[in-house]
Amino acid sequence: MSSRTWPVRQWVLAVPKRLRYHLERDSAVLNAALHIFLTAIEPMLRQHSPGASSASRLGAVVFIHRFGALRGTHLHFHCVVVDGVFEADAGGSVTFHPADGLDASAIGEVQAAVRRRLLRSALRRGLLSAHDAQVMAKWEHGGGFSVDANVRIEAHERCGLERLLRYCARPAFALERLRGNRRPASGLRERQARPKG
């Protein structure tokens, strides 16, 4: 394959606290949730990529965040997914089929599929009772499951791609925002951004 670039879309998945607890403590549950998420995205990309067959595959880089904006525990996934699918032919070359028309309705379908499959997985693993899984399946407004895929970077937007990847790969604490405290026993403090105006 050449060194060309493709458009990418950031897909973010957050789950209800009730399930997040298990993802934080059990890597098998974490891996299962990530697999469910990616395997819900892939057929939707195929469906919106004209000319793609069922053998086409997505390309993605995954970042697992274990913190939220306020640095509290909040496990969620940031997946930078090529906005389309790749397909190999018998000769060994690869064709890219760009996605088209991926709208809020399609993203909502991915969220519904992830919710349904994650609840089934949690039930099978004994993480939820049948009653709790049924109740959670009926919660309104996504029931604590959130899929966002509104950030899309065009293939030629190298700076935008770099900003997105830096954002996804950021640590919980930025070293440039840490400073030593004058009192040695108290350790480090984070500089807070001051309001403008």
Protein backbone atom coordinates (compact mmCIF):
# COMPACT_ATOMS: atom_id res chain seq x y z
CA MET A 1 0.00 0.00 0.00
CA SER A 2 1.09 3.53 -0.61
CA SER A 3 1.62 6.14 2.08
CA ARG A 4 -1.55 8.00 1.15
CA THR A 5 -3.97 9.27 3.76
CA TRP A 6 -7.67 8.66 4.26
CA PRO A 7 -10.45 10.52 6.02
CA VAL A 8 -11.00 9.48 9.63
CA ARG A 9 -13.83 9.73 12.11
CA GLN A 10 -13.57 9.67 15.90
CA TRP A 11 -16.01 7.21 17.46
CA VAL A 12 -16.45 7.55 21.23
CA LEU A 13 -18.25 5.03 23.44
CA ALA A 14 -19.24 5.60 27.06
CA VAL A 15 -21.30 3.09 29.04
CA PRO A 16 -23.44 3.36 32.20
CA LYS A 17 -21.62 3.46 35.53
CA ARG A 18 -23.12 0.09 36.40
CA LEU A 19 -21.17 -1.54 33.54
CA ARG A 20 -18.18 0.81 33.67
CA TYR A 21 -17.31 -0.65 37.07
CA HIS A 22 -16.79 -4.10 35.48
CA LEU A 23 -14.82 -2.73 32.51
CA GLU A 24 -12.44 -0.99 34.93
CA ARG A 25 -11.78 -4.16 36.90
CA ASP A 26 -11.79 -7.00 34.35
CA SER A 27 -9.72 -6.87 31.18
CA ALA A 28 -11.79 -9.65 29.57
CA VAL A 29 -14.94 -7.54 29.98
CA LEU A 30 -13.06 -4.47 28.68
CA ASN A 31 -11.85 -6.38 25.61
CA ALA A 32 -15.34 -7.79 24.98
CA ALA A 33 -16.85 -4.29 25.11
CA LEU A 34 -14.26 -2.94 22.67
CA HIS A 35 -14.84 -5.88 20.32
CA ILE A 36 -18.60 -5.30 20.44
CA PHE A 37 -18.09 -1.60 19.66
CA LEU A 38 -15.78 -2.16 16.67
CA THR A 39 -17.91 -4.98 15.27
CA ALA A 40 -20.95 -2.69 15.42
CA ILE A 41 -19.10 0.08 13.56
CA GLU A 42 -17.69 -2.13 10.79
CA PRO A 43 -20.98 -3.27 9.15
CA MET A 44 -22.32 0.28 9.31
CA LEU A 45 -19.23 1.51 7.47
CA ARG A 46 -19.66 -1.27 4.89
CA GLN A 47 -23.28 -0.32 4.40
CA HIS A 48 -22.31 3.30 3.73
CA SER A 49 -19.29 2.53 1.52
CA PRO A 50 -20.46 2.02 -2.07
CA GLY A 51 -18.82 -0.98 -3.75
CA ALA A 52 -17.70 -2.63 -0.50
CA SER A 53 -18.28 -6.35 -0.04
CA SER A 54 -18.86 -8.31 3.15
CA ALA A 55 -15.13 -9.13 3.16
CA SER A 56 -14.11 -5.48 3.55
CA ARG A 57 -12.59 -4.42 6.87
CA LEU A 58 -12.24 -1.24 8.87
CA GLY A 59 -8.98 0.33 9.99
CA ALA A 60 -8.77 1.87 13.46
CA VAL A 61 -6.54 3.04 16.27
CA VAL A 62 -8.07 2.69 19.75
CA PHE A 63 -7.40 4.78 22.85
CA ILE A 64 -8.82 3.62 26.17
CA HIS A 65 -9.35 6.55 28.50
CA ARG A 66 -9.66 5.83 32.19
CA PHE A 67 -10.36 9.41 33.23
CA GLY A 68 -12.86 12.13 32.49
CA ALA A 69 -12.47 15.87 32.01
CA LEU A 70 -12.20 16.37 35.78
CA ARG A 71 -9.73 13.47 36.12
CA GLY A 72 -12.26 11.32 37.95
CA THR A 73 -12.51 7.66 36.98
CA HIS A 74 -14.48 7.44 33.75
CA LEU A 75 -13.52 4.60 31.44
CA HIS A 76 -14.51 5.17 27.81
CA PHE A 77 -13.17 4.45 24.32
CA HIS A 78 -11.90 6.88 21.69
CA CYS A 79 -11.51 5.09 18.35
CA VAL A 80 -10.01 6.89 15.39
CA VAL A 81 -11.53 4.93 12.51
CA VAL A 82 -10.75 5.38 8.82
CA ASP A 83 -14.04 6.64 7.35
CA GLY A 84 -14.59 3.77 4.94
CA VAL A 85 -13.46 0.18 4.51
CA PHE A 86 -10.53 -1.65 2.90
CA GLU A 87 -10.85 -4.66 0.65
CA ALA A 88 -8.09 -6.96 -0.56
CA ASP A 89 -8.29 -8.70 -3.91
CA ALA A 90 -6.78 -12.02 -5.00
CA GLY A 91 -3.73 -10.23 -6.42
CA GLY A 92 -2.83 -8.78 -3.03
CA SER A 93 -3.73 -5.17 -3.73
CA VAL A 94 -6.08 -3.25 -1.48
CA THR A 95 -8.96 -0.98 -2.48
CA PHE A 96 -10.36 1.72 -0.22
CA HIS A 97 -14.12 2.34 -0.32
CA PRO A 98 -14.90 5.71 1.32
CA ALA A 99 -18.01 6.00 3.49
CA ASP A 100 -20.76 8.33 2.37
CA GLY A 101 -23.91 9.55 4.12
CA LEU A 102 -23.02 8.37 7.62
CA ASP A 103 -25.57 10.45 9.53
CA ALA A 104 -27.05 10.68 13.04
CA SER A 105 -29.50 7.89 12.27
CA ALA A 106 -26.69 5.49 11.33
CA ILE A 107 -24.70 6.45 14.43
CA GLY A 108 -27.86 5.87 16.50
CA GLU A 109 -28.13 2.37 15.02
CA VAL A 110 -24.57 1.65 16.13
CA GLN A 111 -25.41 2.89 19.64
CA ALA A 112 -28.53 0.69 19.80
CA ALA A 113 -26.57 -2.37 18.62
CA VAL A 114 -23.78 -1.75 21.15
CA ARG A 115 -26.32 -1.30 23.96
CA ARG A 116 -28.18 -4.50 23.07
CA ARG A 117 -25.02 -6.60 22.69
CA LEU A 118 -23.26 -5.22 25.78
CA LEU A 119 -26.29 -5.91 27.95
CA ARG A 120 -26.47 -9.49 26.59
CA SER A 121 -22.76 -9.95 27.25
CA ALA A 122 -23.08 -8.62 30.81
CA LEU A 123 -26.00 -10.96 31.42
CA ARG A 124 -24.08 -14.00 30.09
CA ARG A 125 -21.08 -13.13 32.28
CA GLY A 126 -23.27 -12.79 35.38
CA LEU A 127 -22.53 -9.08 35.75
CA LEU A 128 -26.23 -8.19 35.63
CA SER A 129 -29.38 -10.07 36.58
CA ALA A 130 -31.98 -10.71 33.85
CA HIS A 131 -34.27 -8.17 35.52
CA ASP A 132 -31.57 -5.47 35.68
CA ALA A 133 -30.61 -6.05 32.03
CA GLN A 134 -34.27 -5.70 30.98
CA VAL A 135 -34.68 -2.50 32.99
CA MET A 136 -31.45 -1.02 31.57
CA ALA A 137 -32.58 -1.90 28.03
CA LYS A 138 -35.68 0.26 28.55
CA TRP A 139 -33.94 3.33 29.98
CA GLU A 140 -34.64 6.43 27.91
CA HIS A 141 -32.15 8.61 26.04
CA GLY A 142 -29.68 5.79 25.37
CA GLY A 143 -29.79 4.51 28.94
CA GLY A 144 -26.30 5.72 29.80
CA PHE A 145 -24.84 4.31 26.57
CA SER A 146 -23.40 7.07 24.45
CA VAL A 147 -21.88 6.79 20.99
CA ASP A 148 -20.59 9.95 19.37
CA ALA A 149 -19.09 10.07 15.88
CA ASN A 150 -19.47 13.72 14.94
CA VAL A 151 -15.76 14.52 14.59
CA ARG A 152 -14.59 13.79 11.04
CA ILE A 153 -11.22 14.78 9.59
CA GLU A 154 -10.76 14.96 5.82
CA ALA A 155 -7.80 13.12 4.26
CA HIS A 156 -5.94 16.35 3.41
CA GLU A 157 -6.31 17.86 6.92
CA ARG A 158 -2.99 16.74 8.35
CA CYS A 159 -3.09 19.32 11.17
CA GLY A 160 -6.61 18.27 12.13
CA LEU A 161 -5.55 14.62 12.25
CA GLU A 162 -2.57 15.47 14.43
CA ARG A 163 -4.78 17.49 16.83
CA LEU A 164 -7.26 14.61 17.06
CA LEU A 165 -4.57 12.01 17.73
CA ARG A 166 -2.90 14.23 20.34
CA TYR A 167 -6.25 14.70 22.03
CA CYS A 168 -6.96 10.97 22.05
CA ALA A 169 -3.45 10.07 23.26
CA ARG A 170 -3.31 12.72 25.99
CA PRO A 171 -2.39 11.63 29.51
CA ALA A 172 -4.54 12.34 32.55
CA PHE A 173 -2.05 15.06 33.53
CA ALA A 174 -0.10 17.26 31.15
CA LEU A 175 3.46 17.77 32.38
CA GLU A 176 3.48 21.40 31.24
CA ARG A 177 0.56 22.08 33.58
CA LEU A 178 2.24 20.58 36.66
CA ARG A 179 4.46 22.63 38.90
CA GLY A 180 6.23 22.02 42.15
CA ASN A 181 4.69 23.28 45.35
CA ARG A 182 6.77 25.60 47.51
CA ARG A 183 6.13 23.32 50.45
CA PRO A 184 8.17 20.17 49.65
CA ALA A 185 5.97 17.79 51.63
CA SER A 186 2.86 18.63 49.64
CA GLY A 187 4.10 17.43 46.21
CA LEU A 188 2.80 18.70 42.88
CA ARG A 189 -0.17 20.86 41.99
CA GLU A 190 -1.83 21.37 38.66
CA ARG A 191 -2.05 24.90 37.30
CA GLN A 192 -5.65 25.79 36.67
CA ALA A 193 -6.61 27.76 33.62
CA ARG A 194 -7.77 31.22 34.60
CA PRO A 195 -11.01 32.61 33.25
CA LYS A 196 -10.59 35.22 30.53
CA GLY A 197 -12.03 38.67 30.90
